[in-house]
Amino acid sequence: MAIGGCAVLLGVPARAERVWPVIDLPAHAQSWSLGDALEVGGVPMRIRGFLSDRPRDEVARSLRQGLGRPMVESRVGDKLILGRADGGFYLTVQLESVAGGTRAWVAVSDLESAARYRERAQSHAQAWLQRLPADSRILSQTASRDGQRLSSQLVYSNGAGAALNGRALTALMQEDGLQLQHEAAADAAPHVAPDGRVMWFKGAGKEATAVIGRLPDGRASVVLNTVTALEAMP
């Protein structure tokens, strides 16, 4: 599995009862984390990136020792991928040579929880559809947690116009405790379709931004981003 910087910005809070395996990084690595917990395609994940001033083959030798056996190795273009199953988890390391050394992404995927929580995710999507305008289709639904901030994104489409979607979204946000603060039409938001709009909402401990546009097939698209302070959640 290849890991990309954009592809992994998706997720939900980790399940605290699970004990996650840890991949030991080389001592010389400069690492960073992409949030406390992520979810990609319904699979809970923990992902770290790191840079090393050592050559890729040297870094790979160190990581092979830490991962243990049995291990799967593959190459995707100029990237080296190391992988190993560990109980209900799967460990993946992607390495590539860069100027001055090696860049890597290290991921731990909770496959067991992914299967267990798939039904819950489907139920959550159905709950959204019951609140959205008729003919709505959910295109993607993601979330990530970083410290005490929970960020979520909902992308959906329907055959309604921008005005109807705006009114429906305002009512929906009010039900969730957020009030419309500001709204800008397309002429003030150049990246939005001619009949689109951008809306900003705010509530106690949370805020949201919605971009209403139009897809090539003529259907309206809505991208709703919400940020909630976890201490404000019931």
Foldseek 3Di string as FASTA:
>chain_A
DDDDPVQFLFADDDDVVDDFDDQDFDPQKDKDWSAPWHAGPLWIKTKMKTWHLAAPVVRVVVRDVRVDDDWDWDDDPQKIKIWDDDVQKIWIKIWHADVRHIMMMIMIIRNVVSVVCVVVVVVVVVVVQVQADPQKDWPDKGWGHHVQKIKIKTKIWGADFQVVRVVSVQVVVVVVFKHWDDKAACVVPVVAANGKIKTKIDGVQKIKIKTWHADPVGIIMIMIMMMGRNVPDD
